[in-house]
PDB file of all heavy atoms in Angstrom:
ATOM      1  N   ALA A   1      -6.656  18.710 -57.664  1.00  0.00           N
ATOM      2  CA  ALA A   1      -6.646  20.137 -58.030  1.00  0.00           C
ATOM      3  C   ALA A   1      -6.443  21.047 -56.825  1.00  0.00           C
ATOM      4  O   ALA A   1      -6.872  22.197 -56.822  1.00  0.00           O
ATOM      5  CB  ALA A   1      -7.915  20.520 -58.792  1.00  0.00           C
ATOM      6  N   ASN A   2      -5.776  20.519 -55.795  1.00  0.00           N
ATOM      7  CA  ASN A   2      -5.397  21.334 -54.648  1.00  0.00           C
ATOM      8  C   ASN A   2      -4.007  21.917 -54.889  1.00  0.00           C
ATOM      9  O   ASN A   2      -3.103  21.207 -55.351  1.00  0.00           O
ATOM     10  CB  ASN A   2      -5.368  20.506 -53.362  1.00  0.00           C
ATOM     11  CG  ASN A   2      -6.740  20.004 -52.969  1.00  0.00           C
ATOM     12  OD1 ASN A   2      -7.719  20.745 -53.028  1.00  0.00           O
ATOM     13  ND2 ASN A   2      -6.819  18.736 -52.586  1.00  0.00           N
ATOM     14  N   THR A   3      -3.837  23.179 -54.570  1.00  0.00           N
ATOM     15  CA  THR A   3      -2.522  23.801 -54.699  1.00  0.00           C
ATOM     16  C   THR A   3      -1.628  23.332 -53.559  1.00  0.00           C
ATOM     17  O   THR A   3      -1.954  23.543 -52.381  1.00  0.00           O
ATOM     18  CB  THR A   3      -2.639  25.332 -54.684  1.00  0.00           C
ATOM     19  OG1 THR A   3      -3.357  25.767 -55.846  1.00  0.00           O
ATOM     20  CG2 THR A   3      -1.263  25.986 -54.668  1.00  0.00           C
ATOM     21  N   VAL A   4      -0.510  22.686 -53.908  1.00  0.00           N
ATOM     22  CA  VAL A   4       0.415  22.217 -52.878  1.00  0.00           C
ATOM     23  C   VAL A   4       1.540  23.222 -52.640  1.00  0.00           C
ATOM     24  O   VAL A   4       2.197  23.196 -51.593  1.00  0.00           O
ATOM     25  CB  VAL A   4       1.002  20.831 -53.244  1.00  0.00           C
ATOM     26  CG1 VAL A   4      -0.103  19.790 -53.320  1.00  0.00           C
ATOM     27  CG2 VAL A   4       1.784  20.876 -54.559  1.00  0.00           C
ATOM     28  N   ALA A   5       1.758  24.103 -53.615  1.00  0.00           N
ATOM     29  CA  ALA A   5       2.763  25.155 -53.457  1.00  0.00           C
ATOM     30  C   ALA A   5       2.511  26.218 -54.512  1.00  0.00           C
ATOM     31  O   ALA A   5       2.011  25.918 -55.605  1.00  0.00           O
ATOM     32  CB  ALA A   5       4.183  24.593 -53.605  1.00  0.00           C
ATOM     33  N   SER A   6       2.854  27.455 -54.189  1.00  0.00           N
ATOM     34  CA  SER A   6       2.678  28.544 -55.161  1.00  0.00           C
ATOM     35  C   SER A   6       3.619  29.686 -54.824  1.00  0.00           C
ATOM     36  O   SER A   6       4.085  29.821 -53.688  1.00  0.00           O
ATOM     37  CB  SER A   6       1.230  29.034 -55.173  1.00  0.00           C
ATOM     38  OG  SER A   6       0.896  29.641 -53.940  1.00  0.00           O
ATOM     39  N   SER A   7       3.878  30.489 -55.828  1.00  0.00           N
ATOM     40  CA  SER A   7       4.669  31.716 -55.640  1.00  0.00           C
ATOM     41  C   SER A   7       4.057  32.814 -56.493  1.00  0.00           C
ATOM     42  O   SER A   7       3.404  32.543 -57.505  1.00  0.00           O
ATOM     43  CB  SER A   7       6.130  31.509 -56.052  1.00  0.00           C
ATOM     44  OG  SER A   7       6.790  30.622 -55.193  1.00  0.00           O
ATOM     45  N   VAL A   8       4.292  34.038 -56.066  1.00  0.00           N
ATOM     46  CA  VAL A   8       3.767  35.184 -56.808  1.00  0.00           C
ATOM     47  C   VAL A   8       4.790  36.305 -56.796  1.00  0.00           C
ATOM     48  O   VAL A   8       5.522  36.475 -55.812  1.00  0.00           O
ATOM     49  CB  VAL A   8       2.422  35.659 -56.201  1.00  0.00           C
ATOM     50  CG1 VAL A   8       2.596  36.060 -54.750  1.00  0.00           C
ATOM     51  CG2 VAL A   8       1.827  36.809 -57.007  1.00  0.00           C
ATOM     52  N   GLU A   9       4.888  37.030 -57.893  1.00  0.00           N
ATOM     53  CA  GLU A   9       5.719  38.239 -57.961  1.00  0.00           C
ATOM     54  C   GLU A   9       4.914  39.341 -58.628  1.00  0.00           C
ATOM     55  O   GLU A   9       4.140  39.089 -59.550  1.00  0.00           O
ATOM     56  CB  GLU A   9       7.019  37.990 -58.746  1.00  0.00           C
ATOM     57  CG  GLU A   9       8.095  37.304 -57.942  1.00  0.00           C
ATOM     58  CD  GLU A   9       9.511  37.651 -58.436  1.00  0.00           C
ATOM     59  OE1 GLU A   9       9.655  38.619 -59.213  1.00  0.00           O
ATOM     60  OE2 GLU A   9      10.448  36.942 -58.022  1.00  0.00           O
ATOM     61  N   LYS A  10       5.110  40.556 -58.163  1.00  0.00           N
ATOM     62  CA  LYS A  10       4.451  41.705 -58.765  1.00  0.00           C
ATOM     63  C   LYS A  10       5.066  42.003 -60.136  1.00  0.00           C
ATOM     64  O   LYS A  10       6.273  41.840 -60.343  1.00  0.00           O
ATOM     65  CB  LYS A  10       4.622  42.935 -57.870  1.00  0.00           C
ATOM     66  CG  LYS A  10       3.742  42.927 -56.633  1.00  0.00           C
ATOM     67  CD  LYS A  10       2.439  43.658 -56.922  1.00  0.00           C
ATOM     68  CE  LYS A  10       1.636  43.860 -55.642  1.00  0.00           C
ATOM     69  NZ  LYS A  10       0.357  44.534 -55.931  1.00  0.00           N
ATOM     70  N   VAL A  11       4.217  42.437 -61.047  1.00  0.00           N
ATOM     71  CA  VAL A  11       4.689  42.931 -62.335  1.00  0.00           C
ATOM     72  C   VAL A  11       4.853  44.443 -62.211  1.00  0.00           C
ATOM     73  O   VAL A  11       3.924  45.141 -61.769  1.00  0.00           O
ATOM     74  CB  VAL A  11       3.683  42.599 -63.458  1.00  0.00           C
ATOM     75  CG1 VAL A  11       4.102  43.258 -64.769  1.00  0.00           C
ATOM     76  CG2 VAL A  11       3.564  41.090 -63.645  1.00  0.00           C
ATOM     77  N   ARG A  12       6.017  44.930 -62.589  1.00  0.00           N
ATOM     78  CA  ARG A  12       6.250  46.377 -62.499  1.00  0.00           C
ATOM     79  C   ARG A  12       5.781  47.031 -63.802  1.00  0.00           C
ATOM     80  O   ARG A  12       6.335  46.769 -64.870  1.00  0.00           O
ATOM     81  CB  ARG A  12       7.737  46.665 -62.258  1.00  0.00           C
ATOM     82  CG  ARG A  12       8.031  48.137 -61.978  1.00  0.00           C
ATOM     83  CD  ARG A  12       9.450  48.333 -61.479  1.00  0.00           C
ATOM     84  NE  ARG A  12      10.430  48.135 -62.527  1.00  0.00           N
ATOM     85  CZ  ARG A  12      11.053  49.135 -63.175  1.00  0.00           C
ATOM     86  NH1 ARG A  12      10.803  50.389 -62.858  1.00  0.00           N
ATOM     87  NH2 ARG A  12      11.955  48.859 -64.105  1.00  0.00           N
ATOM     88  N   LEU A  13       4.750  47.856 -63.690  1.00  0.00           N
ATOM     89  CA  LEU A  13       4.273  48.600 -64.849  1.00  0.00           C
ATOM     90  C   LEU A  13       5.069  49.897 -64.976  1.00  0.00           C
ATOM     91  O   LEU A  13       5.335  50.577 -63.974  1.00  0.00           O
ATOM     92  CB  LEU A  13       2.780  48.901 -64.714  1.00  0.00           C
ATOM     93  CG  LEU A  13       1.840  47.686 -64.711  1.00  0.00           C
ATOM     94  CD1 LEU A  13       0.399  48.119 -64.458  1.00  0.00           C
ATOM     95  CD2 LEU A  13       1.928  46.929 -66.026  1.00  0.00           C
ATOM     96  N   LEU A  14       5.432  50.239 -66.203  1.00  0.00           N
ATOM     97  CA  LEU A  14       6.223  51.433 -66.486  1.00  0.00           C
ATOM     98  C   LEU A  14       5.335  52.479 -67.153  1.00  0.00           C
ATOM     99  O   LEU A  14       4.519  52.151 -68.018  1.00  0.00           O
ATOM    100  CB  LEU A  14       7.406  51.090 -67.387  1.00  0.00           C
ATOM    101  CG  LEU A  14       8.304  49.938 -66.918  1.00  0.00           C
ATOM    102  CD1 LEU A  14       9.339  49.587 -67.983  1.00  0.00           C
ATOM    103  CD2 LEU A  14       9.008  50.306 -65.611  1.00  0.00           C
ATOM    104  N   TYR A  15       5.522  53.738 -66.774  1.00  0.00           N
ATOM    105  CA  TYR A  15       4.729  54.833 -67.334  1.00  0.00           C
ATOM    106  C   TYR A  15       5.679  55.914 -67.864  1.00  0.00           C
ATOM    107  O   TYR A  15       5.786  57.003 -67.286  1.00  0.00           O
ATOM    108  CB  TYR A  15       3.799  55.414 -66.272  1.00  0.00           C
ATOM    109  CG  TYR A  15       2.886  54.392 -65.635  1.00  0.00           C
ATOM    110  CD1 TYR A  15       3.267  53.713 -64.472  1.00  0.00           C
ATOM    111  CD2 TYR A  15       1.636  54.112 -66.173  1.00  0.00           C
ATOM    112  CE1 TYR A  15       2.428  52.777 -63.874  1.00  0.00           C
ATOM    113  CE2 TYR A  15       0.796  53.176 -65.592  1.00  0.00           C
ATOM    114  CZ  TYR A  15       1.198  52.509 -64.441  1.00  0.00           C
ATOM    115  OH  TYR A  15       0.372  51.577 -63.855  1.00  0.00           O
ATOM    116  N   PRO A  16       6.386  55.644 -68.971  1.00  0.00           N
ATOM    117  CA  PRO A  16       7.405  56.584 -69.445  1.00  0.00           C
ATOM    118  C   PRO A  16       6.849  57.920 -69.917  1.00  0.00           C
ATOM    119  O   PRO A  16       7.538  58.934 -69.856  1.00  0.00           O
ATOM    120  CB  PRO A  16       8.068  55.830 -70.601  1.00  0.00           C
ATOM    121  CG  PRO A  16       7.054  54.816 -71.033  1.00  0.00           C
ATOM    122  CD  PRO A  16       6.308  54.433 -69.802  1.00  0.00           C
ATOM    123  N   LYS A  17       5.607  57.933 -70.392  1.00  0.00           N
ATOM    124  CA  LYS A  17       4.948  59.163 -70.838  1.00  0.00           C
ATOM    125  C   LYS A  17       3.462  59.055 -70.503  1.00  0.00           C
ATOM    126  O   LYS A  17       2.957  57.952 -70.295  1.00  0.00           O
ATOM    127  CB  LYS A  17       5.106  59.357 -72.350  1.00  0.00           C
ATOM    128  CG  LYS A  17       6.521  59.607 -72.833  1.00  0.00           C
ATOM    129  CD  LYS A  17       6.530  59.815 -74.353  1.00  0.00           C
ATOM    130  CE  LYS A  17       7.946  60.035 -74.868  1.00  0.00           C
ATOM    131  NZ  LYS A  17       7.954  60.212 -76.355  1.00  0.00           N
ATOM    132  N   PRO A  18       2.754  60.176 -70.458  1.00  0.00           N
ATOM    133  CA  PRO A  18       1.302  60.103 -70.236  1.00  0.00           C
ATOM    134  C   PRO A  18       0.622  59.204 -71.275  1.00  0.00           C
ATOM    135  O   PRO A  18       0.851  59.365 -72.484  1.00  0.00           O
ATOM    136  CB  PRO A  18       0.850  61.561 -70.380  1.00  0.00           C
ATOM    137  CG  PRO A  18       2.054  62.363 -70.023  1.00  0.00           C
ATOM    138  CD  PRO A  18       3.231  61.577 -70.524  1.00  0.00           C
ATOM    139  N   GLY A  19      -0.173  58.248 -70.801  1.00  0.00           N
ATOM    140  CA  GLY A  19      -0.871  57.342 -71.712  1.00  0.00           C
ATOM    141  C   GLY A  19      -0.092  56.087 -72.045  1.00  0.00           C
ATOM    142  O   GLY A  19      -0.649  55.134 -72.590  1.00  0.00           O
ATOM    143  N   TYR A  20       1.220  56.062 -71.742  1.00  0.00           N
ATOM    144  CA  TYR A  20       2.050  54.901 -72.029  1.00  0.00           C
ATOM    145  C   TYR A  20       2.022  53.972 -70.809  1.00  0.00           C
ATOM    146  O   TYR A  20       2.260  54.416 -69.687  1.00  0.00           O
ATOM    147  CB  TYR A  20       3.502  55.306 -72.284  1.00  0.00           C
ATOM    148  CG  TYR A  20       3.777  55.968 -73.619  1.00  0.00           C
ATOM    149  CD1 TYR A  20       2.905  56.911 -74.149  1.00  0.00           C
ATOM    150  CD2 TYR A  20       4.929  55.663 -74.341  1.00  0.00           C
ATOM    151  CE1 TYR A  20       3.171  57.533 -75.357  1.00  0.00           C
ATOM    152  CE2 TYR A  20       5.196  56.281 -75.556  1.00  0.00           C
ATOM    153  CZ  TYR A  20       4.318  57.218 -76.046  1.00  0.00           C
ATOM    154  OH  TYR A  20       4.573  57.826 -77.257  1.00  0.00           O
ATOM    155  N   VAL A  21       1.763  52.684 -71.038  1.00  0.00           N
ATOM    156  CA  VAL A  21       1.819  51.685 -69.968  1.00  0.00           C
ATOM    157  C   VAL A  21       2.582  50.477 -70.514  1.00  0.00           C
ATOM    158  O   VAL A  21       2.105  49.782 -71.415  1.00  0.00           O
ATOM    159  CB  VAL A  21       0.414  51.251 -69.501  1.00  0.00           C
ATOM    160  CG1 VAL A  21       0.535  50.362 -68.266  1.00  0.00           C
ATOM    161  CG2 VAL A  21      -0.479  52.452 -69.207  1.00  0.00           C
ATOM    162  N   GLU A  22       3.778  50.231 -69.966  1.00  0.00           N
ATOM    163  CA  GLU A  22       4.683  49.227 -70.531  1.00  0.00           C
ATOM    164  C   GLU A  22       5.136  48.228 -69.467  1.00  0.00           C
ATOM    165  O   GLU A  22       5.004  48.456 -68.266  1.00  0.00           O
ATOM    166  CB  GLU A  22       5.919  49.920 -71.128  1.00  0.00           C
ATOM    167  CG  GLU A  22       5.616  50.913 -72.233  1.00  0.00           C
ATOM    168  CD  GLU A  22       6.872  51.581 -72.789  1.00  0.00           C
ATOM    169  OE1 GLU A  22       7.971  51.397 -72.200  1.00  0.00           O
ATOM    170  OE2 GLU A  22       6.751  52.280 -73.805  1.00  0.00           O
ATOM    171  N   ILE A  23       5.696  47.127 -69.953  1.00  0.00           N
ATOM    172  CA  ILE A  23       6.361  46.134 -69.109  1.00  0.00           C
ATOM    173  C   ILE A  23       7.695  45.793 -69.756  1.00  0.00           C
ATOM    174  O   ILE A  23       7.747  45.547 -70.968  1.00  0.00           O
ATOM    175  CB  ILE A  23       5.517  44.848 -68.960  1.00  0.00           C
ATOM    176  CG1 ILE A  23       4.168  45.136 -68.299  1.00  0.00           C
ATOM    177  CG2 ILE A  23       6.280  43.788 -68.157  1.00  0.00           C
ATOM    178  CD1 ILE A  23       3.206  43.955 -68.316  1.00  0.00           C
ATOM    179  N   ASP A  24       8.744  45.775 -68.974  1.00  0.00           N
ATOM    180  CA  ASP A  24      10.069  45.395 -69.484  1.00  0.00           C
ATOM    181  C   ASP A  24      10.096  43.881 -69.690  1.00  0.00           C
ATOM    182  O   ASP A  24       9.917  43.122 -68.727  1.00  0.00           O
ATOM    183  CB  ASP A  24      11.140  45.808 -68.464  1.00  0.00           C
ATOM    184  CG  ASP A  24      12.563  45.538 -68.942  1.00  0.00           C
ATOM    185  OD1 ASP A  24      12.803  44.466 -69.555  1.00  0.00           O
ATOM    186  OD2 ASP A  24      13.438  46.382 -68.691  1.00  0.00           O
ATOM    187  N   PRO A  25      10.322  43.392 -70.923  1.00  0.00           N
ATOM    188  CA  PRO A  25      10.315  41.942 -71.168  1.00  0.00           C
ATOM    189  C   PRO A  25      11.351  41.185 -70.352  1.00  0.00           C
ATOM    190  O   PRO A  25      11.087  40.057 -69.911  1.00  0.00           O
ATOM    191  CB  PRO A  25      10.605  41.834 -72.674  1.00  0.00           C
ATOM    192  CG  PRO A  25      10.163  43.142 -73.240  1.00  0.00           C
ATOM    193  CD  PRO A  25      10.482  44.153 -72.182  1.00  0.00           C
ATOM    194  N   ASP A  26      12.524  41.773 -70.159  1.00  0.00           N
ATOM    195  CA  ASP A  26      13.567  41.098 -69.382  1.00  0.00           C
ATOM    196  C   ASP A  26      13.148  40.939 -67.922  1.00  0.00           C
ATOM    197  O   ASP A  26      13.377  39.890 -67.302  1.00  0.00           O
ATOM    198  CB  ASP A  26      14.889  41.869 -69.474  1.00  0.00           C
ATOM    199  CG  ASP A  26      15.472  41.838 -70.881  1.00  0.00           C
ATOM    200  OD1 ASP A  26      15.227  40.854 -71.611  1.00  0.00           O
ATOM    201  OD2 ASP A  26      16.160  42.813 -71.255  1.00  0.00           O
ATOM    202  N   GLU A  27      12.534  41.984 -67.366  1.00  0.00           N
ATOM    203  CA  GLU A  27      12.038  41.892 -65.990  1.00  0.00           C
ATOM    204  C   GLU A  27      10.923  40.858 -65.876  1.00  0.00           C
ATOM    205  O   GLU A  27      10.850  40.105 -64.896  1.00  0.00           O
ATOM    206  CB  GLU A  27      11.514  43.261 -65.529  1.00  0.00           C
ATOM    207  CG  GLU A  27      12.585  44.256 -65.158  1.00  0.00           C
ATOM    208  CD  GLU A  27      12.002  45.502 -64.514  1.00  0.00           C
ATOM    209  OE1 GLU A  27      10.816  45.481 -64.109  1.00  0.00           O
ATOM    210  OE2 GLU A  27      12.729  46.508 -64.414  1.00  0.00           O
ATOM    211  N   LEU A  28      10.047  40.833 -66.885  1.00  0.00           N
ATOM    212  CA  LEU A  28       8.942  39.876 -66.849  1.00  0.00           C
ATOM    213  C   LEU A  28       9.467  38.452 -66.926  1.00  0.00           C
ATOM    214  O   LEU A  28       9.005  37.566 -66.189  1.00  0.00           O
ATOM    215  CB  LEU A  28       7.969  40.148 -68.004  1.00  0.00           C
ATOM    216  CG  LEU A  28       6.695  39.299 -68.025  1.00  0.00           C
ATOM    217  CD1 LEU A  28       5.873  39.535 -66.765  1.00  0.00           C
ATOM    218  CD2 LEU A  28       5.868  39.592 -69.272  1.00  0.00           C
ATOM    219  N   TRP A  29      10.428  38.215 -67.790  1.00  0.00           N
ATOM    220  CA  TRP A  29      11.021  36.885 -67.906  1.00  0.00           C
ATOM    221  C   TRP A  29      11.661  36.466 -66.589  1.00  0.00           C
ATOM    222  O   TRP A  29      11.512  35.327 -66.137  1.00  0.00           O
ATOM    223  CB  TRP A  29      12.041  36.853 -69.039  1.00  0.00           C
ATOM    224  CG  TRP A  29      12.849  35.588 -69.116  1.00  0.00           C
ATOM    225  CD1 TRP A  29      14.180  35.434 -68.899  1.00  0.00           C
ATOM    226  CD2 TRP A  29      12.358  34.266 -69.434  1.00  0.00           C
ATOM    227  NE1 TRP A  29      14.567  34.132 -69.050  1.00  0.00           N
ATOM    228  CE2 TRP A  29      13.470  33.391 -69.387  1.00  0.00           C
ATOM    229  CE3 TRP A  29      11.111  33.756 -69.742  1.00  0.00           C
ATOM    230  CZ2 TRP A  29      13.359  32.025 -69.634  1.00  0.00           C
ATOM    231  CZ3 TRP A  29      10.994  32.393 -69.997  1.00  0.00           C
ATOM    232  CH2 TRP A  29      12.098  31.534 -69.946  1.00  0.00           C
ATOM    233  N   GLN A  30      12.375  37.393 -65.940  1.00  0.00           N
ATOM    234  CA  GLN A  30      13.026  37.064 -64.679  1.00  0.00           C
ATOM    235  C   GLN A  30      11.989  36.744 -63.605  1.00  0.00           C
ATOM    236  O   GLN A  30      12.181  35.834 -62.792  1.00  0.00           O
ATOM    237  CB  GLN A  30      13.910  38.229 -64.215  1.00  0.00           C
ATOM    238  CG  GLN A  30      14.855  37.865 -63.067  1.00  0.00           C
ATOM    239  CD  GLN A  30      15.743  36.675 -63.389  1.00  0.00           C
ATOM    240  OE1 GLN A  30      16.457  36.671 -64.399  1.00  0.00           O
ATOM    241  NE2 GLN A  30      15.697  35.631 -62.551  1.00  0.00           N
ATOM    242  N   ALA A  31      10.876  37.467 -63.613  1.00  0.00           N
ATOM    243  CA  ALA A  31       9.808  37.187 -62.650  1.00  0.00           C
ATOM    244  C   ALA A  31       9.223  35.805 -62.883  1.00  0.00           C
ATOM    245  O   ALA A  31       8.927  35.070 -61.927  1.00  0.00           O
ATOM    246  CB  ALA A  31       8.713  38.253 -62.753  1.00  0.00           C
TER     247      ALA A  31
END
């Protein structure tokens, strides 16, 4: 259970309107 390799990418949160918090599915899939 030792990590031999790992990668991380930030998820870009979108705020198109006040109170709205979204994620683009295509961007998430690519990440």
